[in-house]
Amino acid sequence: MTQRILIELLLFLIPFAVFLVYRAASRDLRVRDRWPLTRLVIIGGVIAVLGLILPAIFQPRETEKCYDPVRYDAEGRIVPPKEVDCAQAALPGGENTTTITPSQAPVAPRDTGN
C-alpha cells in the first residue's frame, strides 16, 4: 500500500519536476512570472488518476479461472486459497455444501435457560 501511495505521489510531481528542469535550463535564471501552479496541479492530478485507472484496465486476467477462498476441510485443517477452473469451483449453496437444520444448530448457553 505504501508503495502504491509513493508511486501516485511521484506521478503527481512529474509536471513540477519537468517545469523545474525547464526553468533551470532556460537562459534567464531570474523568475519573471509566477509558476503556473494551477496548470501543474491539474496536469499532475490527471497523470495520477491515469496511473490508478490504466493498470487496472490493461492488467492481464484469466477469464476461465475462479477464486477458491480459504476454508476448513472435513478434518478441521485450513485449505489455502487458490485459483481453480470455474467448473470445479464450489458455489455457495451448491450440492457440495452441508446444510444445518435448526435443530442441529449450536445454541448459546444463555439461550438454553441454564
C-alpha atoms as a PDB file:
ATOM      1  CA  MET A   1       0.000   0.000   0.000  1.00  0.00           C
ATOM      2  CA  THR A   2       2.837   2.372   0.841  1.00  0.00           C
ATOM      3  CA  GLN A   3       4.445   1.601  -2.496  1.00  0.00           C
ATOM      4  CA  ARG A   4       1.238   2.487  -4.360  1.00  0.00           C
ATOM      5  CA  ILE A   5       0.928   5.790  -2.476  1.00  0.00           C
ATOM      6  CA  LEU A   6       4.529   6.699  -3.272  1.00  0.00           C
ATOM      7  CA  ILE A   7       4.018   5.866  -6.946  1.00  0.00           C
ATOM      8  CA  GLU A   8       0.925   8.087  -7.092  1.00  0.00           C
ATOM      9  CA  LEU A   9       2.790  10.903  -5.344  1.00  0.00           C
ATOM     10  CA  LEU A  10       5.663  10.637  -7.824  1.00  0.00           C
ATOM     11  CA  LEU A  11       3.231  10.633 -10.753  1.00  0.00           C
ATOM     12  CA  PHE A  12       1.622  13.786  -9.356  1.00  0.00           C
ATOM     13  CA  LEU A  13       5.017  15.505  -9.005  1.00  0.00           C
ATOM     14  CA  ILE A  14       6.185  14.764 -12.591  1.00  0.00           C
ATOM     15  CA  PRO A  15       4.853  18.043 -14.096  1.00  0.00           C
ATOM     16  CA  PHE A  16       6.503  20.056 -11.321  1.00  0.00           C
ATOM     17  CA  ALA A  17       9.839  18.351 -11.949  1.00  0.00           C
ATOM     18  CA  VAL A  18       9.591  18.883 -15.713  1.00  0.00           C
ATOM     19  CA  PHE A  19       8.798  22.562 -15.203  1.00  0.00           C
ATOM     20  CA  LEU A  20      11.677  22.907 -12.742  1.00  0.00           C
ATOM     21  CA  VAL A  21      14.104  21.380 -15.261  1.00  0.00           C
ATOM     22  CA  TYR A  22      12.706  23.673 -17.951  1.00  0.00           C
ATOM     23  CA  ARG A  23      13.220  26.726 -15.741  1.00  0.00           C
ATOM     24  CA  ALA A  24      16.725  25.624 -14.796  1.00  0.00           C
ATOM     25  CA  ALA A  25      17.664  25.077 -18.446  1.00  0.00           C
ATOM     26  CA  SER A  26      16.382  28.467 -19.603  1.00  0.00           C
ATOM     27  CA  ARG A  27      18.892  31.174 -20.408  1.00  0.00           C
ATOM     28  CA  ASP A  28      17.488  33.679 -17.975  1.00  0.00           C
ATOM     29  CA  LEU A  29      17.548  32.194 -14.471  1.00  0.00           C
ATOM     30  CA  ARG A  30      15.577  35.050 -12.927  1.00  0.00           C
ATOM     31  CA  VAL A  31      11.935  34.301 -12.257  1.00  0.00           C
ATOM     32  CA  ARG A  32       9.907  36.927 -14.105  1.00  0.00           C
ATOM     33  CA  ASP A  33       6.481  35.372 -13.761  1.00  0.00           C
ATOM     34  CA  ARG A  34       4.849  33.101 -11.253  1.00  0.00           C
ATOM     35  CA  TRP A  35       4.782  29.378 -11.629  1.00  0.00           C
ATOM     36  CA  PRO A  36       1.686  28.145 -13.451  1.00  0.00           C
ATOM     37  CA  LEU A  37       0.641  26.357 -10.279  1.00  0.00           C
ATOM     38  CA  THR A  38      -2.966  25.691 -11.283  1.00  0.00           C
ATOM     39  CA  ARG A  39      -1.948  24.082 -14.559  1.00  0.00           C
ATOM     40  CA  LEU A  40       0.732  21.972 -12.912  1.00  0.00           C
ATOM     41  CA  VAL A  41      -1.712  20.724 -10.247  1.00  0.00           C
ATOM     42  CA  ILE A  42      -4.336  19.821 -12.866  1.00  0.00           C
ATOM     43  CA  ILE A  43      -1.813  18.042 -15.098  1.00  0.00           C
ATOM     44  CA  GLY A  44      -0.341  16.205 -12.098  1.00  0.00           C
ATOM     45  CA  GLY A  45      -3.813  15.164 -10.937  1.00  0.00           C
ATOM     46  CA  VAL A  46      -4.701  13.830 -14.373  1.00  0.00           C
ATOM     47  CA  ILE A  47      -1.459  11.842 -14.555  1.00  0.00           C
ATOM     48  CA  ALA A  48      -2.033  10.426 -11.056  1.00  0.00           C
ATOM     49  CA  VAL A  49      -5.627   9.391 -11.850  1.00  0.00           C
ATOM     50  CA  LEU A  50      -4.493   7.776 -15.099  1.00  0.00           C
ATOM     51  CA  GLY A  51      -1.844   5.956 -13.067  1.00  0.00           C
ATOM     52  CA  LEU A  52      -4.654   4.470 -10.963  1.00  0.00           C
ATOM     53  CA  ILE A  53      -7.010   3.574 -13.808  1.00  0.00           C
ATOM     54  CA  LEU A  54      -4.788   2.382 -16.664  1.00  0.00           C
ATOM     55  CA  PRO A  55      -3.036  -0.500 -14.847  1.00  0.00           C
ATOM     56  CA  ALA A  56      -6.407  -1.917 -13.813  1.00  0.00           C
ATOM     57  CA  ILE A  57      -7.692  -1.707 -17.382  1.00  0.00           C
ATOM     58  CA  PHE A  58      -4.659  -3.262 -19.044  1.00  0.00           C
ATOM     59  CA  GLN A  59      -3.852  -5.869 -16.389  1.00  0.00           C
ATOM     60  CA  PRO A  60      -3.981  -9.355 -17.920  1.00  0.00           C
ATOM     61  CA  ARG A  61      -6.669 -11.552 -16.441  1.00  0.00           C
ATOM     62  CA  GLU A  62      -7.783 -15.103 -16.887  1.00  0.00           C
ATOM     63  CA  THR A  63     -11.485 -15.394 -17.610  1.00  0.00           C
ATOM     64  CA  GLU A  64     -11.674 -19.154 -17.117  1.00  0.00           C
ATOM     65  CA  LYS A  65     -10.384 -19.055 -13.531  1.00  0.00           C
ATOM     66  CA  CYS A  66     -12.343 -18.643 -10.309  1.00  0.00           C
ATOM     67  CA  TYR A  67     -11.048 -17.880  -6.816  1.00  0.00           C
ATOM     68  CA  ASP A  68     -11.470 -20.553  -4.153  1.00  0.00           C
ATOM     69  CA  PRO A  69     -11.121 -18.742  -0.777  1.00  0.00           C
ATOM     70  CA  VAL A  70      -9.568 -20.021   2.441  1.00  0.00           C
ATOM     71  CA  ARG A  71     -11.727 -22.666   4.091  1.00  0.00           C
ATOM     72  CA  TYR A  72     -11.615 -25.584   6.512  1.00  0.00           C
ATOM     73  CA  ASP A  73     -11.735 -29.156   5.249  1.00  0.00           C
ATOM     74  CA  ALA A  74     -13.662 -32.008   6.894  1.00  0.00           C
ATOM     75  CA  GLU A  75     -10.783 -32.712   9.306  1.00  0.00           C
ATOM     76  CA  GLY A  76     -10.568 -29.120  10.520  1.00  0.00           C
ATOM     77  CA  ARG A  77      -7.388 -28.194   8.633  1.00  0.00           C
ATOM     78  CA  ILE A  78      -7.061 -24.912   6.778  1.00  0.00           C
ATOM     79  CA  VAL A  79      -7.141 -25.183   2.981  1.00  0.00           C
ATOM     80  CA  PRO A  80      -5.215 -22.253   1.445  1.00  0.00           C
ATOM     81  CA  PRO A  81      -6.788 -20.075  -1.257  1.00  0.00           C
ATOM     82  CA  LYS A  82      -6.172 -20.967  -4.885  1.00  0.00           C
ATOM     83  CA  GLU A  83      -7.370 -20.362  -8.412  1.00  0.00           C
ATOM     84  CA  VAL A  84      -9.378 -23.206  -9.914  1.00  0.00           C
ATOM     85  CA  ASP A  85     -11.385 -23.786 -13.071  1.00  0.00           C
ATOM     86  CA  CYS A  86     -14.853 -22.326 -12.702  1.00  0.00           C
ATOM     87  CA  ALA A  87     -16.372 -25.752 -13.388  1.00  0.00           C
ATOM     88  CA  GLN A  88     -14.596 -27.115 -10.273  1.00  0.00           C
ATOM     89  CA  ALA A  89     -15.312 -24.142  -8.023  1.00  0.00           C
ATOM     90  CA  ALA A  90     -17.525 -24.737  -5.010  1.00  0.00           C
ATOM     91  CA  LEU A  91     -20.526 -22.458  -5.323  1.00  0.00           C
ATOM     92  CA  PRO A  92     -22.332 -21.221  -2.217  1.00  0.00           C
ATOM     93  CA  GLY A  93     -25.476 -23.237  -1.652  1.00  0.00           C
ATOM     94  CA  GLY A  94     -24.348 -25.884  -4.129  1.00  0.00           C
ATOM     95  CA  GLU A  95     -24.549 -29.626  -3.708  1.00  0.00           C
ATOM     96  CA  ASN A  96     -21.154 -29.850  -2.006  1.00  0.00           C
ATOM     97  CA  THR A  97     -22.193 -27.705   0.950  1.00  0.00           C
ATOM     98  CA  THR A  98     -23.836 -29.154   4.026  1.00  0.00           C
ATOM     99  CA  THR A  99     -26.982 -27.603   5.383  1.00  0.00           C
ATOM    100  CA  ILE A 100     -27.726 -27.418   9.086  1.00  0.00           C
ATOM    101  CA  THR A 101     -31.303 -27.716  10.221  1.00  0.00           C
ATOM    102  CA  PRO A 102     -32.434 -25.503  13.102  1.00  0.00           C
ATOM    103  CA  SER A 103     -32.460 -28.487  15.474  1.00  0.00           C
ATOM    104  CA  GLN A 104     -28.775 -29.143  14.705  1.00  0.00           C
ATOM    105  CA  ALA A 105     -27.699 -25.521  15.010  1.00  0.00           C
ATOM    106  CA  PRO A 106     -25.491 -24.789  18.020  1.00  0.00           C
ATOM    107  CA  VAL A 107     -27.235 -22.962  20.818  1.00  0.00           C
ATOM    108  CA  ALA A 108     -25.571 -20.425  23.048  1.00  0.00           C
ATOM    109  CA  PRO A 109     -25.623 -21.302  26.787  1.00  0.00           C
ATOM    110  CA  ARG A 110     -27.713 -18.227  27.559  1.00  0.00           C
ATOM    111  CA  ASP A 111     -30.430 -19.484  25.176  1.00  0.00           C
ATOM    112  CA  THR A 112     -30.850 -22.874  26.879  1.00  0.00           C
ATOM    113  CA  GLY A 113     -32.076 -21.407  30.141  1.00  0.00           C
ATOM    114  CA  ASN A 114     -29.048 -22.663  32.135  1.00  0.00           C
END
